[in-house]
PDB file of N, CA and C in Angstrom:
ATOM      1  N   MET A   1      -8.199  14.911   3.373  1.00  0.00           N
ATOM      2  CA  MET A   1      -7.016  14.391   2.736  1.00  0.00           C
ATOM      3  C   MET A   1      -7.107  12.869   2.447  1.00  0.00           C
ATOM      4  N   LYS A   2      -6.577  12.358   1.409  1.00  0.00           N
ATOM      5  CA  LYS A   2      -6.626  10.907   1.230  1.00  0.00           C
ATOM      6  C   LYS A   2      -5.841  10.129   2.031  1.00  0.00           C
ATOM      7  N   ARG A   3      -6.438   8.824   2.105  1.00  0.00           N
ATOM      8  CA  ARG A   3      -5.900   7.883   2.753  1.00  0.00           C
ATOM      9  C   ARG A   3      -4.631   7.719   2.790  1.00  0.00           C
ATOM     10  N   SER A   4      -3.973   7.657   1.612  1.00  0.00           N
ATOM     11  CA  SER A   4      -2.326   7.406   1.566  1.00  0.00           C
ATOM     12  C   SER A   4      -1.528   8.560   2.227  1.00  0.00           C
ATOM     13  N   TYR A   5      -2.127   9.875   2.671  1.00  0.00           N
ATOM     14  CA  TYR A   5      -1.480  10.854   3.192  1.00  0.00           C
ATOM     15  C   TYR A   5      -1.412  10.375   4.747  1.00  0.00           C
ATOM     16  N   TRP A   6      -2.556  10.064   5.323  1.00  0.00           N
ATOM     17  CA  TRP A   6      -2.855   9.657   6.634  1.00  0.00           C
ATOM     18  C   TRP A   6      -1.657   8.351   6.992  1.00  0.00           C
ATOM     19  N   THR A   7      -1.776   7.405   6.127  1.00  0.00           N
ATOM     20  CA  THR A   7      -0.842   6.061   6.153  1.00  0.00           C
ATOM     21  C   THR A   7       0.479   6.668   6.172  1.00  0.00           C
ATOM     22  N   LEU A   8       0.971   7.635   5.527  1.00  0.00           N
ATOM     23  CA  LEU A   8       2.275   8.271   5.554  1.00  0.00           C
ATOM     24  C   LEU A   8       2.569   9.047   6.760  1.00  0.00           C
ATOM     25  N   ILE A   9       1.640   9.683   7.099  1.00  0.00           N
ATOM     26  CA  ILE A   9       1.511  10.451   8.456  1.00  0.00           C
ATOM     27  C   ILE A   9       2.000   9.408   9.462  1.00  0.00           C
ATOM     28  N   GLY A  10       1.057   8.379   9.524  1.00  0.00           N
ATOM     29  CA  GLY A  10       1.179   7.398  10.683  1.00  0.00           C
ATOM     30  C   GLY A  10       2.490   6.774  10.854  1.00  0.00           C
ATOM     31  N   ALA A  11       2.813   6.349   9.519  1.00  0.00           N
ATOM     32  CA  ALA A  11       4.128   5.521   9.460  1.00  0.00           C
ATOM     33  C   ALA A  11       5.198   6.472   9.839  1.00  0.00           C
ATOM     34  N   LEU A  12       5.303   7.556   9.450  1.00  0.00           N
ATOM     35  CA  LEU A  12       6.559   8.577  10.091  1.00  0.00           C
ATOM     36  C   LEU A  12       6.544   8.774  11.270  1.00  0.00           C
ATOM     37  N   LEU A  13       5.224   8.929  11.700  1.00  0.00           N
ATOM     38  CA  LEU A  13       5.050   9.348  13.431  1.00  0.00           C
ATOM     39  C   LEU A  13       5.688   7.923  13.963  1.00  0.00           C
ATOM     40  N   PHE A  14       5.211   6.881  13.624  1.00  0.00           N
ATOM     41  CA  PHE A  14       5.602   5.558  14.404  1.00  0.00           C
ATOM     42  C   PHE A  14       7.217   5.224  14.155  1.00  0.00           C
ATOM     43  N   GLY A  15       7.664   5.732  13.094  1.00  0.00           N
ATOM     44  CA  GLY A  15       8.995   5.554  12.610  1.00  0.00           C
ATOM     45  C   GLY A  15       9.942   6.274  13.666  1.00  0.00           C
ATOM     46  N   VAL A  16       9.655   7.748  13.499  1.00  0.00           N
ATOM     47  CA  VAL A  16      10.399   8.639  14.334  1.00  0.00           C
ATOM     48  C   VAL A  16      10.350   8.264  15.772  1.00  0.00           C
ATOM     49  N   CYS A  17       9.100   7.919  16.279  1.00  0.00           N
ATOM     50  CA  CYS A  17       8.906   7.833  17.718  1.00  0.00           C
ATOM     51  C   CYS A  17       9.832   6.393  18.122  1.00  0.00           C
ATOM     52  N   ALA A  18       9.608   5.374  17.172  1.00  0.00           N
ATOM     53  CA  ALA A  18      10.209   4.112  17.607  1.00  0.00           C
ATOM     54  C   ALA A  18      11.922   4.306  17.522  1.00  0.00           C
ATOM     55  N   LEU A  19      12.260   5.057  16.461  1.00  0.00           N
ATOM     56  CA  LEU A  19      13.699   5.284  16.328  1.00  0.00           C
ATOM     57  C   LEU A  19      14.386   6.002  17.503  1.00  0.00           C
ATOM     58  N   SER A  20      13.404   6.949  17.855  1.00  0.00           N
ATOM     59  CA  SER A  20      13.971   7.843  19.196  1.00  0.00           C
ATOM     60  C   SER A  20      13.778   7.218  20.164  1.00  0.00           C
ATOM     61  N   PHE A  21      12.908   6.227  20.599  1.00  0.00           N
ATOM     62  CA  PHE A  21      12.853   5.292  21.730  1.00  0.00           C
ATOM     63  C   PHE A  21      14.076   4.515  22.010  1.00  0.00           C
ATOM     64  N   ILE A  22      14.091   3.715  20.927  1.00  0.00           N
ATOM     65  CA  ILE A  22      15.562   2.989  20.718  1.00  0.00           C
ATOM     66  C   ILE A  22      17.048   3.654  20.946  1.00  0.00           C
ATOM     67  N   LEU A  23      16.896   4.645  20.410  1.00  0.00           N
ATOM     68  CA  LEU A  23      18.425   5.542  20.402  1.00  0.00           C
ATOM     69  C   LEU A  23      18.070   6.067  21.945  1.00  0.00           C
ATOM     70  N   ALA A  24      17.058   6.481  22.593  1.00  0.00           N
ATOM     71  CA  ALA A  24      17.106   6.864  24.026  1.00  0.00           C
ATOM     72  C   ALA A  24      17.617   5.802  24.829  1.00  0.00           C
ATOM     73  N   LEU A  25      17.318   4.508  24.499  1.00  0.00           N
ATOM     74  CA  LEU A  25      17.695   3.301  25.304  1.00  0.00           C
ATOM     75  C   LEU A  25      19.260   3.303  25.411  1.00  0.00           C
ATOM     76  N   VAL A  26      19.831   3.715  24.457  1.00  0.00           N
ATOM     77  CA  VAL A  26      21.258   3.672  24.171  1.00  0.00           C
ATOM     78  C   VAL A  26      22.049   5.147  24.755  1.00  0.00           C
ATOM     79  N   GLY A  27      21.354   6.122  24.876  1.00  0.00           N
ATOM     80  CA  GLY A  27      21.677   7.200  25.421  1.00  0.00           C
ATOM     81  C   GLY A  27      21.990   8.244  24.243  1.00  0.00           C
ATOM     82  N   VAL A  28      21.536   8.308  23.064  1.00  0.00           N
ATOM     83  CA  VAL A  28      21.663   9.150  22.035  1.00  0.00           C
ATOM     84  C   VAL A  28      20.295   9.660  21.869  1.00  0.00           C
ATOM     85  N   ASN A  29      20.121  10.933  21.367  1.00  0.00           N
ATOM     86  CA  ASN A  29      19.034  11.616  21.166  1.00  0.00           C
ATOM     87  C   ASN A  29      18.800  12.124  19.751  1.00  0.00           C
ATOM     88  N   LEU A  30      17.710  12.106  19.063  1.00  0.00           N
ATOM     89  CA  LEU A  30      17.431  12.490  17.945  1.00  0.00           C
ATOM     90  C   LEU A  30      17.330  14.049  17.952  1.00  0.00           C
ATOM     91  N   THR A  31      17.865  15.037  17.145  1.00  0.00           N
ATOM     92  CA  THR A  31      17.970  16.377  17.308  1.00  0.00           C
ATOM     93  C   THR A  31      16.666  17.153  16.990  1.00  0.00           C
ATOM     94  N   ILE A  32      15.738  16.309  16.202  1.00  0.00           N
ATOM     95  CA  ILE A  32      14.329  17.009  16.352  1.00  0.00           C
ATOM     96  C   ILE A  32      13.387  16.701  17.388  1.00  0.00           C
ATOM     97  N   LEU A  33      13.735  15.989  18.170  1.00  0.00           N
ATOM     98  CA  LEU A  33      13.164  15.640  19.462  1.00  0.00           C
ATOM     99  C   LEU A  33      13.816  15.796  20.657  1.00  0.00           C
ATOM    100  N   LYS A  34      14.644  16.995  20.650  1.00  0.00           N
ATOM    101  CA  LYS A  34      15.624  17.307  21.773  1.00  0.00           C
ATOM    102  C   LYS A  34      14.660  17.849  22.910  1.00  0.00           C
ATOM    103  N   PHE A  35      13.381  18.532  22.536  1.00  0.00           N
ATOM    104  CA  PHE A  35      12.879  19.371  23.599  1.00  0.00           C
ATOM    105  C   PHE A  35      12.302  18.312  24.729  1.00  0.00           C
ATOM    106  N   LEU A  36      12.067  16.930  24.062  1.00  0.00           N
ATOM    107  CA  LEU A  36      11.668  15.916  25.150  1.00  0.00           C
ATOM    108  C   LEU A  36      12.419  15.795  26.307  1.00  0.00           C
ATOM    109  N   ASN A  37      13.737  16.010  26.109  1.00  0.00           N
ATOM    110  CA  ASN A  37      14.648  15.637  27.249  1.00  0.00           C
ATOM    111  C   ASN A  37      14.404  16.681  28.336  1.00  0.00           C
ATOM    112  N   SER A  38      13.814  18.020  27.912  1.00  0.00           N
ATOM    113  CA  SER A  38      13.581  18.770  29.058  1.00  0.00           C
ATOM    114  C   SER A  38      12.220  18.277  30.135  1.00  0.00           C
ATOM    115  N   ILE A  39      11.367  17.689  29.510  1.00  0.00           N
ATOM    116  CA  ILE A  39      10.490  17.153  30.228  1.00  0.00           C
ATOM    117  C   ILE A  39      10.872  16.038  31.426  1.00  0.00           C
ATOM    118  N   GLY A  40      12.032  15.427  31.189  1.00  0.00           N
ATOM    119  CA  GLY A  40      12.400  14.368  32.100  1.00  0.00           C
ATOM    120  C   GLY A  40      12.347  12.939  31.426  1.00  0.00           C
ATOM    121  N   SER A  41      12.796  12.154  32.227  1.00  0.00           N
ATOM    122  CA  SER A  41      13.088  10.703  31.701  1.00  0.00           C
ATOM    123  C   SER A  41      11.784   9.937  31.443  1.00  0.00           C
ATOM    124  N   PHE A  42      10.801   9.877  32.642  1.00  0.00           N
ATOM    125  CA  PHE A  42       9.444   9.256  32.377  1.00  0.00           C
ATOM    126  C   PHE A  42       8.579   9.857  31.573  1.00  0.00           C
ATOM    127  N   GLY A  43       8.580  11.355  31.438  1.00  0.00           N
ATOM    128  CA  GLY A  43       7.580  11.839  30.580  1.00  0.00           C
ATOM    129  C   GLY A  43       8.000  11.855  29.098  1.00  0.00           C
ATOM    130  N   SER A  44       9.473  11.787  28.994  1.00  0.00           N
ATOM    131  CA  SER A  44      10.050  11.694  27.498  1.00  0.00           C
ATOM    132  C   SER A  44       9.714  10.178  27.040  1.00  0.00           C
ATOM    133  N   ILE A  45       9.955   9.018  28.038  1.00  0.00           N
ATOM    134  CA  ILE A  45       9.620   7.876  27.344  1.00  0.00           C
ATOM    135  C   ILE A  45       8.254   7.439  26.944  1.00  0.00           C
ATOM    136  N   THR A  46       7.404   8.193  27.908  1.00  0.00           N
ATOM    137  CA  THR A  46       5.701   8.078  27.814  1.00  0.00           C
ATOM    138  C   THR A  46       5.611   8.633  26.430  1.00  0.00           C
ATOM    139  N   ILE A  47       6.010   9.796  26.210  1.00  0.00           N
ATOM    140  CA  ILE A  47       5.403  10.517  24.969  1.00  0.00           C
ATOM    141  C   ILE A  47       5.926   9.717  23.851  1.00  0.00           C
ATOM    142  N   ARG A  48       7.338   9.083  23.832  1.00  0.00           N
ATOM    143  CA  ARG A  48       7.599   8.305  22.670  1.00  0.00           C
ATOM    144  C   ARG A  48       6.991   6.991  22.676  1.00  0.00           C
ATOM    145  N   ILE A  49       6.309   6.613  23.471  1.00  0.00           N
ATOM    146  CA  ILE A  49       5.501   5.202  23.245  1.00  0.00           C
ATOM    147  C   ILE A  49       4.002   5.509  22.966  1.00  0.00           C
ATOM    148  N   VAL A  50       3.529   6.847  23.318  1.00  0.00           N
ATOM    149  CA  VAL A  50       2.162   7.264  23.113  1.00  0.00           C
ATOM    150  C   VAL A  50       2.342   7.670  21.443  1.00  0.00           C
ATOM    151  N   GLY A  51       3.212   8.265  21.071  1.00  0.00           N
ATOM    152  CA  GLY A  51       3.612   8.531  19.754  1.00  0.00           C
ATOM    153  C   GLY A  51       3.673   7.246  18.874  1.00  0.00           C
ATOM    154  N   MET A  52       4.385   6.160  19.445  1.00  0.00           N
ATOM    155  CA  MET A  52       4.383   4.999  18.657  1.00  0.00           C
ATOM    156  C   MET A  52       2.969   4.309  18.588  1.00  0.00           C
ATOM    157  N   PHE A  53       2.129   4.371  19.452  1.00  0.00           N
ATOM    158  CA  PHE A  53       0.809   3.637  19.489  1.00  0.00           C
ATOM    159  C   PHE A  53      -0.090   4.940  18.415  1.00  0.00           C
ATOM    160  N   LEU A  54       0.004   6.079  18.756  1.00  0.00           N
ATOM    161  CA  LEU A  54      -0.743   6.890  17.886  1.00  0.00           C
ATOM    162  C   LEU A  54      -0.558   6.692  16.359  1.00  0.00           C
ATOM    163  N   GLY A  55       0.747   6.475  15.939  1.00  0.00           N
ATOM    164  CA  GLY A  55       1.259   6.012  14.390  1.00  0.00           C
ATOM    165  C   GLY A  55       0.421   4.758  14.121  1.00  0.00           C
ATOM    166  N   ILE A  56       0.448   3.724  15.064  1.00  0.00           N
ATOM    167  CA  ILE A  56      -0.156   2.572  14.336  1.00  0.00           C
ATOM    168  C   ILE A  56      -1.677   2.893  14.407  1.00  0.00           C
ATOM    169  N   ILE A  57      -2.215   3.621  15.252  1.00  0.00           N
ATOM    170  CA  ILE A  57      -3.738   3.677  15.241  1.00  0.00           C
ATOM    171  C   ILE A  57      -4.162   4.488  14.072  1.00  0.00           C
ATOM    172  N   ILE A  58      -3.330   5.524  13.527  1.00  0.00           N
ATOM    173  CA  ILE A  58      -3.510   6.468  12.406  1.00  0.00           C
ATOM    174  C   ILE A  58      -3.560   5.441  11.163  1.00  0.00           C
ATOM    175  N   MET A  59      -2.441   4.418  11.088  1.00  0.00           N
ATOM    176  CA  MET A  59      -2.299   3.847   9.884  1.00  0.00           C
ATOM    177  C   MET A  59      -3.348   2.606   9.763  1.00  0.00           C
ATOM    178  N   TYR A  60      -3.939   2.266  11.025  1.00  0.00           N
ATOM    179  CA  TYR A  60      -5.037   1.309  11.044  1.00  0.00           C
ATOM    180  C   TYR A  60      -6.450   2.039  10.564  1.00  0.00           C
ATOM    181  N   LEU A  61      -6.627   3.018  11.045  1.00  0.00           N
ATOM    182  CA  LEU A  61      -7.607   3.702  10.787  1.00  0.00           C
ATOM    183  C   LEU A  61      -7.855   4.174   9.241  1.00  0.00           C
ATOM    184  N   SER A  62      -6.504   4.497   8.683  1.00  0.00           N
ATOM    185  CA  SER A  62      -6.629   5.073   7.283  1.00  0.00           C
ATOM    186  C   SER A  62      -6.733   3.862   6.573  1.00  0.00           C
ATOM    187  N   LYS A  63      -6.447   2.734   6.702  1.00  0.00           N
ATOM    188  CA  LYS A  63      -6.514   1.532   6.081  1.00  0.00           C
ATOM    189  C   LYS A  63      -8.092   0.669   6.125  1.00  0.00           C
ATOM    190  N   ALA A  64      -8.663   1.060   7.251  1.00  0.00           N
ATOM    191  CA  ALA A  64      -9.891   0.440   7.585  1.00  0.00           C
ATOM    192  C   ALA A  64     -10.999   1.220   6.912  1.00  0.00           C
ATOM    193  N   ASP A  65     -11.878  -0.114   6.403  1.00  0.00           N
ATOM    194  CA  ASP A  65     -13.171   0.598   5.999  1.00  0.00           C
ATOM    195  C   ASP A  65     -14.064   0.590   7.006  1.00  0.00           C
ATOM    196  N   LEU A  66     -14.450   2.000   7.264  1.00  0.00           N
ATOM    197  CA  LEU A  66     -15.553   2.308   8.325  1.00  0.00           C
ATOM    198  C   LEU A  66     -16.554   2.495   7.833  1.00  0.00           C
ATOM    199  N   SER A  67     -17.008   2.299   6.691  1.00  0.00           N
ATOM    200  CA  SER A  67     -18.366   2.559   6.108  1.00  0.00           C
ATOM    201  C   SER A  67     -19.283   1.341   6.494  1.00  0.00           C
ATOM    202  N   ASN A  68     -20.602   1.796   6.661  1.00  0.00           N
ATOM    203  CA  ASN A  68     -21.496   0.825   7.134  1.00  0.00           C
ATOM    204  C   ASN A  68     -22.390   0.135   5.942  1.00  0.00           C
ATOM    205  N   ASP A  69     -21.786   0.336   4.755  1.00  0.00           N
ATOM    206  CA  ASP A  69     -22.698  -0.102   3.484  1.00  0.00           C
ATOM    207  C   ASP A  69     -22.582  -1.416   3.368  1.00  0.00           C
TER     208      ASP A  69
END
């Protein structure tokens, strides 16, 4: 896949998880991530935070020049 697709995937992952995390603090849940509520409070928050970090890592790796040339 091209780098721009990976950047888009990372940005979407970060955005959805960040929005879900902020809304969960208020008591509102996104419909697309409703299955996280069945895990429990701690597990749900942990998965949302890990998703945000993974989104940032994917965006960073898609933009980084990893060649040794």
